[in-house]
Amino acid sequence: MPTGAAPDRDIPLGEAVRAYQAAVDDYDRELARVLAVNETDLRCLEILLQELPESSPSQLAERLGLTTGSVTSLLDRLEKAGYLSREAHPTDRRKTVVRATPAFQHRAYALIAPLLDEGQKLVDETYTADQLDLITDFMVRATAVQRRHTERLRGTVPKATKTPAPARSGE
């Protein structure tokens, strides 16, 4: 716990953030199940829908923390599913532009619209403009911390682990 932190104040906030993060993870897992993709594929689709609507495979690899070879396999799966398209870059034929298909965009937004609508209603009915400024400031700062530590972990080499052999019967 940081020096000077008020223990009684930090526990409810920390628990609320942990519970929110777990709820988002659960929602993403269910969305991936409904779309019949894995969670990394879903994250790629989220990036295309929300952050980089016209992306290159290398941009996606960097954003996902994957090798370009892994992203090629990921893009193959998502293209086969009809969720994205790859086209030659209009001015540089050596590059590829990746986009979510209109059909996927429509399906994704149909699935997430109820959540977005309910969340917007909650915000509109519950918080003042000043409270929203404070919440937004916290979320921006917390996101920056999370991203820094994601990058820190990406630079960490996994520790080799030995899986214990299963016990034999009679031991």
Protein backbone atom coordinates (compact mmCIF):
# COMPACT_ATOMS: atom_id res chain seq x y z
CA MET A 1 0.00 0.00 0.00
CA PRO A 2 1.40 3.43 -0.92
CA THR A 3 2.71 5.63 1.87
CA GLY A 4 0.02 7.95 3.17
CA ALA A 5 -2.84 6.00 1.58
CA ALA A 6 -6.01 5.78 3.62
CA PRO A 7 -6.62 2.03 3.98
CA ASP A 8 -10.37 2.33 4.47
CA ARG A 9 -10.73 4.49 1.38
CA ASP A 10 -8.55 2.41 -0.95
CA ILE A 11 -10.12 -1.00 -0.33
CA PRO A 12 -13.61 -0.20 -1.72
CA LEU A 13 -12.16 1.57 -4.79
CA GLY A 14 -9.65 -1.20 -5.45
CA GLU A 15 -12.35 -3.84 -5.07
CA ALA A 16 -14.70 -1.90 -7.35
CA VAL A 17 -12.00 -1.61 -10.03
CA ARG A 18 -11.15 -5.32 -9.70
CA ALA A 19 -14.84 -6.28 -9.94
CA TYR A 20 -15.32 -4.01 -12.98
CA GLN A 21 -12.26 -5.48 -14.68
CA ALA A 22 -13.54 -9.01 -14.00
CA ALA A 23 -16.98 -8.10 -15.37
CA VAL A 24 -15.39 -6.70 -18.56
CA ASP A 25 -13.29 -9.87 -18.91
CA ASP A 26 -16.43 -12.01 -18.47
CA TYR A 27 -18.36 -9.95 -21.04
CA ASP A 28 -15.50 -10.16 -23.54
CA ARG A 29 -15.28 -13.93 -23.05
CA GLU A 30 -19.02 -14.29 -23.73
CA LEU A 31 -18.84 -11.98 -26.75
CA ALA A 32 -15.96 -14.06 -28.12
CA ARG A 33 -18.03 -17.22 -27.57
CA VAL A 34 -21.05 -15.75 -29.39
CA LEU A 35 -18.82 -14.65 -32.30
CA ALA A 36 -17.00 -18.02 -32.28
CA VAL A 37 -13.55 -16.44 -31.94
CA ASN A 38 -10.88 -16.59 -29.27
CA GLU A 39 -10.16 -13.64 -26.98
CA THR A 40 -7.11 -12.46 -28.93
CA ASP A 41 -9.13 -12.49 -32.15
CA LEU A 42 -11.84 -10.49 -30.37
CA ARG A 43 -9.26 -7.94 -29.18
CA CYS A 44 -8.04 -7.56 -32.76
CA LEU A 45 -11.61 -6.92 -33.92
CA GLU A 46 -12.11 -4.38 -31.12
CA ILE A 47 -8.98 -2.55 -32.27
CA LEU A 48 -10.30 -2.44 -35.82
CA LEU A 49 -13.72 -1.19 -34.69
CA GLN A 50 -12.60 1.36 -32.09
CA GLU A 51 -8.99 2.40 -32.58
CA LEU A 52 -7.54 1.65 -36.02
CA PRO A 53 -10.34 1.19 -38.58
CA GLU A 54 -7.75 0.92 -41.35
CA SER A 55 -4.76 -0.92 -39.99
CA SER A 56 -1.74 -2.78 -41.26
CA PRO A 57 -0.84 -6.26 -40.04
CA SER A 58 2.31 -4.84 -38.42
CA GLN A 59 0.27 -2.21 -36.53
CA LEU A 60 -2.01 -4.96 -35.24
CA ALA A 61 0.97 -7.10 -34.26
CA GLU A 62 2.45 -4.22 -32.27
CA ARG A 63 -0.88 -3.32 -30.63
CA LEU A 64 -1.58 -6.98 -29.70
CA GLY A 65 1.99 -7.76 -28.63
CA LEU A 66 2.21 -10.62 -31.15
CA THR A 67 4.63 -11.59 -33.88
CA THR A 68 3.70 -10.77 -37.46
CA GLY A 69 3.49 -14.51 -38.15
CA SER A 70 0.93 -14.95 -35.37
CA VAL A 71 -1.06 -12.00 -36.68
CA THR A 72 -1.07 -13.50 -40.17
CA SER A 73 -2.71 -16.66 -38.79
CA LEU A 74 -5.15 -14.55 -36.77
CA LEU A 75 -6.08 -12.49 -39.84
CA ASP A 76 -6.52 -15.67 -41.92
CA ARG A 77 -9.05 -16.99 -39.36
CA LEU A 78 -10.97 -13.71 -39.13
CA GLU A 79 -11.03 -13.23 -42.90
CA LYS A 80 -12.32 -16.79 -43.38
CA ALA A 81 -15.08 -16.03 -40.82
CA GLY A 82 -16.07 -12.95 -42.84
CA TYR A 83 -15.13 -10.54 -40.04
CA LEU A 84 -12.41 -8.61 -41.84
CA SER A 85 -10.96 -7.91 -45.24
CA ARG A 86 -7.41 -7.38 -46.43
CA GLU A 87 -6.68 -5.23 -49.44
CA ALA A 88 -3.60 -3.80 -51.07
CA HIS A 89 -2.69 -0.33 -49.80
CA PRO A 90 -3.88 2.25 -52.35
CA THR A 91 -0.49 3.95 -52.77
CA ASP A 92 2.01 1.33 -51.58
CA ARG A 93 1.40 -2.09 -53.15
CA ARG A 94 3.83 -3.70 -50.69
CA LYS A 95 1.47 -2.93 -47.80
CA THR A 96 -1.88 -4.40 -46.80
CA VAL A 97 -4.85 -2.58 -45.30
CA VAL A 98 -6.99 -4.53 -42.84
CA ARG A 99 -10.59 -3.48 -42.12
CA ALA A 100 -13.57 -4.95 -40.29
CA THR A 101 -16.24 -5.88 -42.84
CA PRO A 102 -19.51 -3.91 -42.85
CA ALA A 103 -21.39 -7.14 -42.03
CA PHE A 104 -19.20 -7.72 -38.98
CA GLN A 105 -19.51 -4.09 -37.89
CA HIS A 106 -23.30 -4.40 -38.04
CA ARG A 107 -23.32 -7.68 -36.09
CA ALA A 108 -20.87 -6.44 -33.46
CA TYR A 109 -22.78 -3.23 -32.83
CA ALA A 110 -26.07 -5.16 -32.62
CA LEU A 111 -24.52 -7.33 -29.90
CA ILE A 112 -22.97 -4.51 -27.88
CA ALA A 113 -25.62 -1.79 -28.38
CA PRO A 114 -27.72 -2.87 -25.36
CA LEU A 115 -24.66 -2.58 -23.09
CA LEU A 116 -23.68 0.80 -24.55
CA ASP A 117 -27.25 2.13 -24.27
CA GLU A 118 -27.67 1.00 -20.66
CA GLY A 119 -24.26 2.39 -19.73
CA GLN A 120 -25.08 5.75 -21.31
CA LYS A 121 -28.42 5.86 -19.48
CA LEU A 122 -26.65 5.11 -16.17
CA VAL A 123 -24.16 7.91 -16.77
CA ASP A 124 -26.82 10.42 -17.85
CA GLU A 125 -29.09 9.71 -14.87
CA THR A 126 -26.46 9.36 -12.16
CA TYR A 127 -23.51 11.73 -12.50
CA THR A 128 -22.96 15.46 -12.74
CA ALA A 129 -20.59 16.96 -15.28
CA ASP A 130 -17.98 17.53 -12.53
CA GLN A 131 -18.28 13.92 -11.36
CA LEU A 132 -17.86 12.70 -14.94
CA ASP A 133 -14.73 14.84 -15.31
CA LEU A 134 -13.29 13.20 -12.18
CA ILE A 135 -14.25 9.68 -13.29
CA THR A 136 -12.80 10.33 -16.76
CA ASP A 137 -9.56 11.60 -15.26
CA PHE A 138 -9.26 8.47 -13.11
CA MET A 139 -10.03 6.15 -16.04
CA VAL A 140 -7.48 7.87 -18.32
CA ARG A 141 -4.78 7.64 -15.64
CA ALA A 142 -5.66 4.04 -14.70
CA THR A 143 -5.58 3.04 -18.37
CA ALA A 144 -2.12 4.57 -18.77
CA VAL A 145 -0.87 2.63 -15.74
CA GLN A 146 -2.39 -0.60 -17.10
CA ARG A 147 -0.79 -0.08 -20.53
CA ARG A 148 2.63 0.65 -19.02
CA HIS A 149 2.51 -2.58 -17.05
CA THR A 150 1.24 -4.54 -20.04
CA GLU A 151 4.32 -3.35 -21.93
CA ARG A 152 6.51 -4.23 -18.94
CA LEU A 153 5.13 -7.79 -18.98
CA ARG A 154 5.59 -8.07 -22.75
CA GLY A 155 9.30 -7.53 -22.15
CA THR A 156 9.47 -10.28 -19.53
CA VAL A 157 10.69 -13.70 -20.57
CA PRO A 158 8.41 -16.46 -19.27
CA LYS A 159 9.95 -18.61 -16.58
CA ALA A 160 10.20 -22.24 -17.58
CA THR A 161 8.05 -24.34 -15.31
CA LYS A 162 8.03 -28.02 -14.76
CA THR A 163 4.67 -29.66 -14.53
CA PRO A 164 4.70 -32.28 -11.83
CA ALA A 165 4.09 -35.78 -13.10
CA PRO A 166 0.71 -37.15 -12.09
CA ALA A 167 0.78 -39.46 -9.11
CA ARG A 168 0.61 -43.11 -10.04
CA SER A 169 -2.08 -45.18 -8.53
CA GLY A 170 -1.08 -46.85 -5.34
CA GLU A 171 1.39 -44.13 -4.32
